[in-house]
């Protein structure tokens, strides 16, 4: 059989060879045999699919196993200006075991790469929106611009800023944040808890995560509701068995969130509904691990969304947040052929090109991703950064934030190690790059100060803002909630909180980092 196909296919061409896996390479060796001609096209610097089984080492093995006599390097680039290519060349030179090439262009050097160091992820998104608006005024179409990020969860804060600015966008190769499965499941739990008459919410989650309520049971429930002219919730309360257990779960969730601030409501529901446990269990399955990790990241980002919502809105009720989520999932969705900005992961961007590219979230543990750091596999992450850089034709922005919301809490970031691998002469710092120490104790989402040094000692935690400065029984004033009395406190630093009983708003837990309380 092998000889038959070797005789049939005398000349073999393989494209995208860097994406082949070990099994495909073994199959190729059998098919090519000793005498057939083989021509392989690939770029080892763009091998970014190890999570799908791709083995970049196949290219080195090809040279050895087939005694390759002629390697043709296609180094002239017809896409990008010189400075962009020089940055990409300098970055990828740090990888080991490359076949080696050096991209060049007959175009001029073009602009320097524009670097923006934001104080927060919200500030980063605000800056990007302002630059996009300026580019539009200069005549660059939205469809000629792309926002790239390492992880899907990063899109939420960017989407929020774009919606607020009225800019149309589409998520390439994926879904908008509030349209993702795990987010819609979580919101369905919250909607049903808020309004038990919401039949659509009930149908979405009655058997998710799986709790043994099959299609036949759901049909009987719907029939009972129709006959008795009631809601599905009322029918479920009479159903018995596993359906009654589901009703008990929702009631338990409702009682469990009483008095909790919005971000803690999210966290409570995510954990006690079984959603987190469901996706954690999927992480144990190799074929589902990457997808499960992304879904968990998105669920954590929902907590961040709730935290920001509380900070930005006077009405921080669950009802108001659900209305906000509904609006953000429906507005500004670009139609086919519309001029719209592209949002996508770097993986999804491979093979595409744009006039202007923003590479966002260039922070250690984010890009490069923590998984690559843990597994000592920075080479693949560097190749991913190389792909991101080379998507830009004319203008490239590199942005990162000093502080980013994770799990509803503010965490301090270190700039990506990849930034240090780019030649300084190729970079134009929009924000000052100076070496000064600074305190983040009075940090806020709204700030115009950008003076933290690029090469300063990284700070993992903010200096303490001790809750001890607020005594139980002390009278305080909050700009939003008015006068109140401190009734409790816990934690310190970025995790410090105080409980205040306000005259008008009742009892609330407030994060010290953002509360801005005034003593009376």
Protein backbone atom coordinates (compact mmCIF):
# COMPACT_ATOMS: atom_id res chain seq x y z
CA UNK A 1 0.00 0.00 0.00
CA UNK A 2 2.83 2.38 0.89
CA UNK A 3 4.65 1.63 -2.37
CA UNK A 4 1.43 2.22 -4.31
CA UNK A 5 1.04 5.76 -3.00
CA UNK A 6 4.75 6.49 -3.25
CA UNK A 7 4.52 5.59 -6.91
CA UNK A 8 1.36 7.66 -7.37
CA UNK A 9 2.65 10.85 -5.68
CA UNK A 10 6.13 11.53 -7.04
CA UNK A 11 6.17 15.21 -6.10
CA UNK A 12 4.91 16.41 -2.72
CA UNK A 13 4.27 20.01 -1.61
CA UNK A 14 3.57 20.84 2.04
CA UNK A 15 2.39 24.32 3.02
CA UNK A 16 2.40 25.82 6.55
CA UNK A 17 4.90 23.15 7.53
CA UNK A 18 5.57 24.80 10.90
CA UNK A 19 2.06 23.77 12.00
CA UNK A 20 2.49 20.03 11.42
CA UNK A 21 2.40 17.63 14.35
CA UNK A 22 4.65 14.59 14.98
CA UNK A 23 2.14 12.12 13.53
CA UNK A 24 1.78 14.11 10.31
CA UNK A 25 5.56 14.26 9.99
CA UNK A 26 5.88 10.48 10.36
CA UNK A 27 3.16 10.02 7.74
CA UNK A 28 5.00 12.42 5.40
CA UNK A 29 8.24 10.45 5.76
CA UNK A 30 6.43 7.26 4.80
CA UNK A 31 4.77 8.88 1.79
CA UNK A 32 7.91 10.59 0.50
CA UNK A 33 10.13 7.56 0.88
CA UNK A 34 13.72 7.68 -0.33
CA UNK A 35 13.31 8.92 -3.90
CA UNK A 36 10.27 11.21 -4.20
CA UNK A 37 10.78 14.96 -4.36
CA UNK A 38 9.56 17.03 -1.44
CA UNK A 39 9.01 20.80 -1.26
CA UNK A 40 8.00 22.26 2.12
CA UNK A 41 7.01 25.85 2.81
CA UNK A 42 7.03 27.10 6.38
CA UNK A 43 8.14 29.75 8.84
CA UNK A 44 9.41 28.41 12.14
CA UNK A 45 9.11 31.91 13.63
CA UNK A 46 5.33 31.68 13.18
CA UNK A 47 4.80 28.30 14.82
CA UNK A 48 2.15 29.23 17.42
CA UNK A 49 -0.09 26.17 17.66
CA UNK A 50 1.69 23.92 20.13
CA UNK A 51 -1.59 23.70 22.08
CA UNK A 52 -3.04 21.92 19.02
CA UNK A 53 -0.09 19.55 18.80
CA UNK A 54 2.12 21.43 16.33
CA UNK A 55 5.83 20.69 16.70
CA UNK A 56 8.17 23.45 15.55
CA UNK A 57 11.02 20.92 15.70
CA UNK A 58 9.64 19.21 12.59
CA UNK A 59 11.41 21.81 10.45
CA UNK A 60 14.81 20.99 11.93
CA UNK A 61 14.09 17.28 11.57
CA UNK A 62 13.14 17.77 7.93
CA UNK A 63 16.58 19.23 7.17
CA UNK A 64 18.27 16.28 8.86
CA UNK A 65 16.05 13.39 7.76
CA UNK A 66 15.74 14.41 4.10
CA UNK A 67 19.28 15.75 3.70
CA UNK A 68 17.87 19.02 2.37
CA UNK A 69 20.30 20.57 -0.09
CA UNK A 70 18.61 23.88 -0.79
CA UNK A 71 16.90 26.23 1.69
CA UNK A 72 15.32 29.28 0.08
CA UNK A 73 14.78 32.15 2.52
CA UNK A 74 12.00 34.54 1.54
CA UNK A 75 13.15 37.52 3.58
CA UNK A 76 11.81 40.49 1.63
CA UNK A 77 8.61 41.73 3.23
CA UNK A 78 5.99 43.61 1.20
CA UNK A 79 3.68 44.47 4.10
CA UNK A 80 5.36 46.43 6.87
CA UNK A 81 7.56 49.48 7.18
CA UNK A 82 11.17 49.00 8.23
CA UNK A 83 10.91 49.91 11.92
CA UNK A 84 8.17 47.34 12.45
CA UNK A 85 10.30 44.65 10.80
CA UNK A 86 13.41 45.66 12.74
CA UNK A 87 11.48 45.32 15.99
CA UNK A 88 10.20 41.89 14.99
CA UNK A 89 13.71 40.75 13.96
CA UNK A 90 15.23 41.94 17.25
CA UNK A 91 12.56 40.19 19.30
CA UNK A 92 12.66 36.81 17.58
CA UNK A 93 16.47 36.73 17.63
CA UNK A 94 16.14 35.84 21.33
CA UNK A 95 14.66 32.44 20.44
CA UNK A 96 16.81 29.34 20.30
CA UNK A 97 17.09 26.68 17.57
CA UNK A 98 15.77 28.84 14.74
CA UNK A 99 16.47 28.23 11.08
CA UNK A 100 17.19 31.94 11.00
CA UNK A 101 16.09 34.77 8.73
CA UNK A 102 16.06 38.56 8.77
CA UNK A 103 13.09 40.37 7.27
CA UNK A 104 13.71 43.50 5.23
CA UNK A 105 11.73 45.83 3.02
CA UNK A 106 12.36 48.27 0.20
CA UNK A 107 9.99 50.66 2.00
CA UNK A 108 11.36 53.34 4.32
CA UNK A 109 11.67 52.95 8.07
CA UNK A 110 8.35 54.59 8.76
CA UNK A 111 7.12 55.57 12.21
CA UNK A 112 8.58 54.44 15.49
CA UNK A 113 6.50 52.00 17.51
CA UNK A 114 4.27 53.98 19.86
CA UNK A 115 4.39 52.88 23.51
CA UNK A 116 1.76 53.81 26.08
CA UNK A 117 2.05 52.94 29.76
CA UNK A 118 -1.39 53.25 31.35
CA UNK A 119 -2.14 53.45 35.05
CA UNK A 120 -5.03 50.98 34.77
CA UNK A 121 -6.61 48.69 32.21
CA UNK A 122 -9.48 51.19 32.00
CA UNK A 123 -7.03 53.99 31.21
CA UNK A 124 -5.40 51.76 28.60
CA UNK A 125 -8.77 51.26 26.90
CA UNK A 126 -9.55 55.00 27.09
CA UNK A 127 -6.25 55.86 25.40
CA UNK A 128 -6.85 53.33 22.62
CA UNK A 129 -10.32 54.75 21.94
CA UNK A 130 -8.91 58.29 21.74
CA UNK A 131 -6.22 57.17 19.28
CA UNK A 132 -8.80 55.36 17.15
CA UNK A 133 -10.96 58.48 17.01
CA UNK A 134 -7.94 60.56 15.95
CA UNK A 135 -7.02 58.02 13.27
CA UNK A 136 -10.59 58.18 11.96
CA UNK A 137 -10.27 61.95 11.67
CA UNK A 138 -7.06 61.40 9.70
CA UNK A 139 -8.98 59.21 7.23
CA UNK A 140 -8.04 55.71 8.40
CA UNK A 141 -11.07 53.41 8.25
CA UNK A 142 -12.05 51.39 11.31
CA UNK A 143 -11.76 48.21 9.28
CA UNK A 144 -8.07 49.04 8.77
CA UNK A 145 -7.42 48.91 12.53
CA UNK A 146 -7.11 45.94 14.88
CA UNK A 147 -6.91 45.48 18.65
CA UNK A 148 -4.94 42.37 19.56
CA UNK A 149 -4.85 40.68 22.95
CA UNK A 150 -3.38 37.48 24.34
CA UNK A 151 -6.48 36.25 26.14
CA UNK A 152 -10.15 36.53 25.19
CA UNK A 153 -11.04 37.81 28.65
CA UNK A 154 -9.12 41.02 27.91
CA UNK A 155 -11.73 42.08 25.37
CA UNK A 156 -14.33 43.04 28.01
CA UNK A 157 -12.79 46.33 29.12
CA UNK A 158 -11.97 47.23 25.50
CA UNK A 159 -15.52 46.46 24.37
CA UNK A 160 -16.93 48.59 27.18
CA UNK A 161 -14.82 51.57 26.11
CA UNK A 162 -15.77 51.14 22.44
CA UNK A 163 -19.49 50.89 23.23
CA UNK A 164 -19.28 53.98 25.44
CA UNK A 165 -17.61 55.88 22.58
CA UNK A 166 -20.15 54.67 20.00
CA UNK A 167 -17.53 52.89 17.88
CA UNK A 168 -18.63 49.86 15.86
CA UNK A 169 -16.55 46.73 16.18
CA UNK A 170 -16.61 43.02 15.53
CA UNK A 171 -14.83 40.24 17.41
CA UNK A 172 -12.97 38.26 14.77
CA UNK A 173 -12.95 34.49 15.26
CA UNK A 174 -14.93 34.71 18.48
CA UNK A 175 -17.89 36.17 20.36
CA UNK A 176 -18.40 39.50 22.06
CA UNK A 177 -17.88 39.26 25.80
CA UNK A 178 -21.51 39.23 26.90
CA UNK A 179 -22.41 36.72 24.17
CA UNK A 180 -20.01 34.02 25.37
CA UNK A 181 -21.56 30.81 26.67
CA UNK A 182 -20.25 31.01 30.22
CA UNK A 183 -21.25 34.67 30.57
CA UNK A 184 -24.77 34.01 29.27
CA UNK A 185 -25.10 31.10 31.71
CA UNK A 186 -24.02 33.28 34.63
CA UNK A 187 -26.33 36.11 33.62
CA UNK A 188 -29.20 33.62 33.28
CA UNK A 189 -28.73 32.57 36.91
CA UNK A 190 -28.72 36.22 37.95
CA UNK A 191 -31.79 37.05 35.85
CA UNK A 192 -33.77 34.15 37.27
CA UNK A 193 -32.76 35.09 40.81
CA UNK A 194 -33.89 38.66 40.12
CA UNK A 195 -37.09 37.67 38.32
CA UNK A 196 -38.44 34.13 38.63
CA UNK A 197 -40.91 34.86 35.79
CA UNK A 198 -38.01 34.82 33.30
CA UNK A 199 -38.75 31.55 31.48
CA UNK A 200 -35.87 31.93 29.03
CA UNK A 201 -33.35 32.21 31.86
CA UNK A 202 -34.81 29.15 33.58
CA UNK A 203 -34.66 27.03 30.43
CA UNK A 204 -31.02 27.98 29.86
CA UNK A 205 -29.76 26.85 33.27
CA UNK A 206 -32.22 24.28 34.61
CA UNK A 207 -29.83 21.54 33.51
CA UNK A 208 -26.55 23.42 33.34
CA UNK A 209 -24.32 22.32 34.85
CA UNK A 210 -25.86 18.90 34.29
CA UNK A 211 -28.12 17.90 37.16
CA UNK A 212 -30.08 15.03 35.61
CA UNK A 213 -33.04 17.02 34.30
CA UNK A 214 -33.58 15.69 30.79
CA UNK A 215 -35.49 16.93 27.77
CA UNK A 216 -38.59 14.89 28.71
CA UNK A 217 -38.75 16.47 32.17
CA UNK A 218 -38.46 19.94 30.66
CA UNK A 219 -41.24 19.17 28.15
CA UNK A 220 -43.49 18.06 31.02
CA UNK A 221 -42.65 21.25 32.89
CA UNK A 222 -43.59 23.38 29.89
CA UNK A 223 -46.82 21.43 29.42
CA UNK A 224 -47.74 21.91 33.09
CA UNK A 225 -47.11 25.65 32.83
CA UNK A 226 -49.28 25.86 29.70
CA UNK A 227 -52.18 23.90 31.16
CA UNK A 228 -52.19 25.87 34.42
CA UNK A 229 -51.40 29.20 32.73
CA UNK A 230 -48.41 29.79 35.02
CA UNK A 231 -44.72 30.50 34.65
CA UNK A 232 -42.19 27.70 34.39
CA UNK A 233 -40.96 28.65 37.86
CA UNK A 234 -44.40 28.04 39.39
CA UNK A 235 -44.63 24.75 37.53
CA UNK A 236 -41.14 23.79 38.74
CA UNK A 237 -42.12 24.45 42.35
CA UNK A 238 -44.82 21.75 42.00
CA UNK A 239 -42.76 19.28 39.97
CA UNK A 240 -40.86 17.39 42.66
CA UNK A 241 -37.63 15.41 42.32
CA UNK A 242 -34.60 16.99 40.69
CA UNK A 243 -36.59 19.97 39.44
CA UNK A 244 -37.52 20.84 43.02
CA UNK A 245 -33.84 20.57 43.95
CA UNK A 246 -33.09 23.13 41.23
CA UNK A 247 -35.73 25.47 42.68
CA UNK A 248 -34.06 25.03 46.07
CA UNK A 249 -30.69 25.94 44.56
CA UNK A 250 -32.03 29.20 43.13
CA UNK A 251 -33.72 30.08 46.43
CA UNK A 252 -30.48 29.33 48.25
CA UNK A 253 -28.56 31.58 45.87
CA UNK A 254 -31.10 34.37 46.38
CA UNK A 255 -30.81 34.23 50.15
CA UNK A 256 -27.02 33.89 49.96
CA UNK A 257 -26.51 37.20 48.16
CA UNK A 258 -28.67 39.30 50.47
CA UNK A 259 -26.74 42.42 51.44
CA UNK A 260 -23.68 41.59 49.33
CA UNK A 261 -22.11 44.20 47.03
CA UNK A 262 -22.42 43.49 43.32
CA UNK A 263 -18.93 41.98 42.73
CA UNK A 264 -19.44 39.58 45.64
CA UNK A 265 -22.84 38.62 44.25
CA UNK A 266 -21.08 37.57 41.04
CA UNK A 267 -18.47 35.57 42.91
CA UNK A 268 -21.06 33.88 45.11
CA UNK A 269 -23.22 32.82 42.16
CA UNK A 270 -20.29 31.62 40.07
CA UNK A 271 -19.11 29.29 42.82
CA UNK A 272 -22.38 28.15 44.40
CA UNK A 273 -24.20 27.54 41.11
CA UNK A 274 -21.61 24.93 40.16
CA UNK A 275 -20.39 26.84 37.09
CA UNK A 276 -16.81 27.21 38.34
CA UNK A 277 -16.65 23.56 39.40
CA UNK A 278 -18.00 22.50 35.99
CA UNK A 279 -15.30 24.29 34.02
CA UNK A 280 -12.60 23.33 36.52
CA UNK A 281 -13.49 19.68 35.89
CA UNK A 282 -13.21 20.25 32.13
CA UNK A 283 -9.65 21.52 32.64
CA UNK A 284 -8.71 17.98 33.63
CA UNK A 285 -9.59 16.77 30.11
CA UNK A 286 -6.67 17.50 27.79
CA UNK A 287 -8.85 18.22 24.74
CA UNK A 288 -10.97 20.72 26.71
CA UNK A 289 -8.30 22.32 28.90
CA UNK A 290 -7.56 25.43 26.86
CA UNK A 291 -11.23 26.24 26.26
CA UNK A 292 -12.09 25.67 29.93
CA UNK A 293 -9.27 27.97 31.04
CA UNK A 294 -10.56 30.72 28.75
CA UNK A 295 -14.10 30.31 30.07
CA UNK A 296 -12.87 30.58 33.66
CA UNK A 297 -10.89 33.71 32.75
CA UNK A 298 -14.03 35.22 31.22
CA UNK A 299 -16.05 34.45 34.35
CA UNK A 300 -13.43 36.18 36.48
CA UNK A 301 -13.60 39.12 34.09
CA UNK A 302 -17.33 39.33 34.78
CA UNK A 303 -16.46 40.04 38.43
CA UNK A 304 -14.15 42.82 37.21
CA UNK A 305 -16.99 44.18 35.09
CA UNK A 306 -19.23 44.32 38.16
CA UNK A 307 -16.52 46.09 40.16
CA UNK A 308 -16.12 48.76 37.50
CA UNK A 309 -19.90 49.10 37.16
CA UNK A 310 -20.22 49.87 40.88
CA UNK A 311 -17.49 52.49 40.56
CA UNK A 312 -19.05 54.19 37.54
CA UNK A 313 -22.78 54.13 38.35
CA UNK A 314 -24.92 55.56 41.12
CA UNK A 315 -27.43 52.74 40.72
CA UNK A 316 -25.23 49.72 41.41
CA UNK A 317 -28.06 47.24 41.90
CA UNK A 318 -28.15 43.83 40.29
CA UNK A 319 -31.11 44.96 38.17
CA UNK A 320 -29.13 47.91 36.83
CA UNK A 321 -26.14 45.70 36.02
CA UNK A 322 -28.31 43.20 34.13
CA UNK A 323 -29.75 46.06 32.09
CA UNK A 324 -26.20 47.27 31.38
CA UNK A 325 -25.13 43.78 30.27
CA UNK A 326 -28.14 43.51 27.97
CA UNK A 327 -27.32 46.85 26.34
CA UNK A 328 -23.63 46.04 25.87
CA UNK A 329 -24.43 42.70 24.26
CA UNK A 330 -26.77 44.25 21.74
CA UNK A 331 -25.41 47.64 20.71
CA UNK A 332 -22.77 48.53 18.14
CA UNK A 333 -22.67 45.05 16.60
CA UNK A 334 -21.28 45.65 13.15
CA UNK A 335 -23.13 44.20 10.20
CA UNK A 336 -21.58 42.63 7.14
CA UNK A 337 -19.80 45.27 5.08
CA UNK A 338 -19.92 47.90 7.84
CA UNK A 339 -16.82 49.92 8.67
CA UNK A 340 -15.90 48.36 12.00
CA UNK A 341 -12.88 47.88 14.20
CA UNK A 342 -11.44 44.36 14.55
CA UNK A 343 -10.93 42.81 17.99
CA UNK A 344 -9.17 39.45 18.17
CA UNK A 345 -6.66 37.27 19.94
CA UNK A 346 -3.17 37.16 18.47
CA UNK A 347 -3.77 33.55 17.46
CA UNK A 348 -6.80 34.63 15.41
CA UNK A 349 -4.78 37.40 13.74
CA UNK A 350 -2.31 35.07 12.02
CA UNK A 351 -2.44 35.62 8.26
CA UNK A 352 -4.15 39.03 8.53
CA UNK A 353 -2.76 42.55 8.13
CA UNK A 354 -3.92 46.05 9.06
CA UNK A 355 -2.83 49.65 8.61
CA UNK A 356 -2.77 50.13 12.39
CA UNK A 357 -2.41 47.52 15.12
CA UNK A 358 -2.72 47.90 18.90
CA UNK A 359 -1.05 45.12 20.91
CA UNK A 360 -2.61 45.44 24.35
CA UNK A 361 -1.89 44.04 27.81
CA UNK A 362 1.88 43.72 27.40
CA UNK A 363 2.42 42.64 30.99
CA UNK A 364 4.26 39.72 32.53
CA UNK A 365 1.94 36.75 33.16
CA UNK A 366 -0.49 38.16 30.58
CA UNK A 367 1.76 38.37 27.51
CA UNK A 368 3.82 36.23 27.92
CA UNK A 369 1.06 34.17 29.49
CA UNK A 370 1.57 32.68 32.94
CA UNK A 371 1.20 29.14 31.56
CA UNK A 372 4.24 29.61 29.30
CA UNK A 373 6.25 30.99 32.22
CA UNK A 374 5.26 28.04 34.43
CA UNK A 375 6.13 25.56 31.66
CA UNK A 376 9.39 27.33 30.74
CA UNK A 377 8.18 27.77 27.17
CA UNK A 378 8.79 31.43 26.40
CA UNK A 379 9.92 30.68 22.84
CA UNK A 380 6.36 29.97 21.68
CA UNK A 381 5.08 33.13 23.38
CA UNK A 382 7.83 35.12 21.69
CA UNK A 383 6.79 33.68 18.33
CA UNK A 384 3.24 34.80 19.15
CA UNK A 385 4.49 38.32 19.85
CA UNK A 386 6.42 38.20 16.56
CA UNK A 387 3.19 37.35 14.73
CA UNK A 388 1.40 40.21 16.49
CA UNK A 389 4.05 42.78 15.53
CA UNK A 390 4.12 41.73 11.89
CA UNK A 391 0.35 42.23 11.46
CA UNK A 392 0.93 46.02 11.23
CA UNK A 393 1.67 47.72 7.93
CA UNK A 394 2.18 51.35 8.94
CA UNK A 395 1.52 52.05 12.62
CA UNK A 396 1.99 49.88 15.70
CA UNK A 397 0.98 50.65 19.29
CA UNK A 398 2.27 48.72 22.29
CA UNK A 399 0.24 49.28 25.47
CA UNK A 400 0.34 47.98 29.02
CA UNK A 401 -1.08 48.91 32.42
CA UNK A 402 0.48 49.34 35.84
CA UNK A 403 -2.66 47.98 37.51
CA UNK A 404 -5.25 45.57 36.20
CA UNK A 405 -8.43 44.13 37.68
CA UNK A 406 -8.19 40.40 38.37
CA UNK A 407 -10.90 38.47 40.24
CA UNK A 408 -12.48 41.77 41.23
CA UNK A 409 -9.30 43.04 42.91
CA UNK A 410 -6.63 45.45 41.70
CA UNK A 411 -3.28 43.78 41.04
CA UNK A 412 0.00 45.47 40.17
CA UNK A 413 1.70 44.38 36.97
CA UNK A 414 5.23 44.10 35.65
CA UNK A 415 5.84 45.19 32.11
CA UNK A 416 6.28 42.31 29.65
CA UNK A 417 9.83 41.01 29.31
CA UNK A 418 9.29 41.26 25.54
CA UNK A 419 9.34 45.05 25.79
CA UNK A 420 12.93 44.90 27.00
CA UNK A 421 13.90 42.95 23.88
CA UNK A 422 12.88 45.75 21.52
CA UNK A 423 15.59 48.27 20.52
CA UNK A 424 15.08 51.58 22.30
CA UNK A 425 15.68 53.62 19.14
CA UNK A 426 12.61 52.03 17.54
CA UNK A 427 10.26 53.12 20.34
CA UNK A 428 8.42 56.39 20.84
CA UNK A 429 7.17 56.67 24.42
CA UNK A 430 3.89 58.58 24.53
CA UNK A 431 4.05 58.51 28.33
CA UNK A 432 7.20 59.64 30.19
CA UNK A 433 9.80 57.00 30.81
CA UNK A 434 11.44 58.25 34.00
CA UNK A 435 12.81 56.56 37.12
CA UNK A 436 10.83 57.80 40.08
CA UNK A 437 9.22 56.05 42.99
CA UNK A 438 5.53 56.56 43.48
CA UNK A 439 2.74 55.66 45.86
CA UNK A 440 -0.38 53.99 44.58
CA UNK A 441 -2.27 54.30 47.85
CA UNK A 442 -4.70 56.89 46.53
CA UNK A 443 -5.12 55.24 43.15
CA UNK A 444 -8.23 55.85 41.09
CA UNK A 445 -9.65 54.73 37.78
CA UNK A 446 -9.67 58.37 36.68
CA UNK A 447 -6.15 59.77 36.58
CA UNK A 448 -3.92 61.88 34.37
CA UNK A 449 -0.60 61.01 36.01
CA UNK A 450 1.73 58.62 34.18
CA UNK A 451 5.18 58.69 35.77
CA UNK A 452 6.03 55.16 36.83
CA UNK A 453 9.38 54.05 35.44
CA UNK A 454 9.55 51.32 32.83
CA UNK A 455 12.59 49.83 34.54
CA UNK A 456 11.56 50.49 38.12
CA UNK A 457 11.46 47.66 40.62
CA UNK A 458 8.15 45.86 40.00
CA UNK A 459 5.54 46.15 42.71
CA UNK A 460 3.37 43.13 43.32
CA UNK A 461 1.15 44.80 45.92
CA UNK A 462 0.20 48.36 46.71
CA UNK A 463 1.48 49.98 49.89
CA UNK A 464 -0.95 49.30 52.72
CA UNK A 465 -3.95 51.53 53.14
CA UNK A 466 -4.80 50.27 56.64
CA UNK A 467 -8.44 49.91 57.55
CA UNK A 468 -7.37 50.84 61.08
CA UNK A 469 -7.53 54.50 60.08
CA UNK A 470 -11.32 54.12 60.17
CA UNK A 471 -12.65 53.39 63.66
CA UNK A 472 -15.87 51.51 64.27
CA UNK A 473 -18.44 54.12 65.21
CA UNK A 474 -16.69 56.86 63.25
CA UNK A 475 -18.91 59.16 61.19
CA UNK A 476 -17.88 59.44 57.53
CA UNK A 477 -19.07 61.00 54.29
CA UNK A 478 -19.16 59.36 50.83
CA UNK A 479 -19.76 61.46 47.71
CA UNK A 480 -22.30 58.98 46.36
CA UNK A 481 -23.96 57.52 49.46
CA UNK A 482 -23.81 60.50 51.80
CA UNK A 483 -23.30 60.33 55.57
CA UNK A 484 -22.82 57.10 57.44
CA UNK A 485 -21.18 55.33 60.37
CA UNK A 486 -18.35 52.77 60.15
CA UNK A 487 -19.63 49.43 61.50
CA UNK A 488 -16.85 47.05 60.48
CA UNK A 489 -13.53 46.64 58.70
CA UNK A 490 -11.32 43.90 57.28
CA UNK A 491 -8.17 43.36 55.22
CA UNK A 492 -5.46 45.84 54.28
CA UNK A 493 -3.80 47.33 51.23
CA UNK A 494 -5.69 46.76 47.99
CA UNK A 495 -7.94 44.23 49.76
CA UNK A 496 -8.89 46.49 52.67
CA UNK A 497 -12.63 47.11 53.12
CA UNK A 498 -14.86 48.96 55.56
CA UNK A 499 -18.53 48.42 56.27
CA UNK A 500 -20.52 51.64 56.53
CA UNK A 501 -24.16 52.05 57.50
CA UNK A 502 -25.39 55.00 55.42
CA UNK A 503 -28.48 57.00 56.34
CA UNK A 504 -29.89 56.86 52.82
CA UNK A 505 -28.27 53.85 51.19
CA UNK A 506 -28.16 51.39 54.08
CA UNK A 507 -25.21 49.13 54.90
CA UNK A 508 -22.47 48.71 52.29
CA UNK A 509 -18.98 47.21 52.13
CA UNK A 510 -16.57 49.59 50.39
CA UNK A 511 -13.09 48.92 49.00
CA UNK A 512 -10.69 51.36 50.65
CA UNK A 513 -8.79 51.77 47.40
CA UNK A 514 -11.77 53.44 45.74
CA UNK A 515 -14.08 54.55 48.56
CA UNK A 516 -12.63 58.07 49.05
CA UNK A 517 -14.29 58.39 52.45
CA UNK A 518 -14.07 61.65 54.36
CA UNK A 519 -14.06 61.76 58.16
CA UNK A 520 -16.72 63.95 59.78
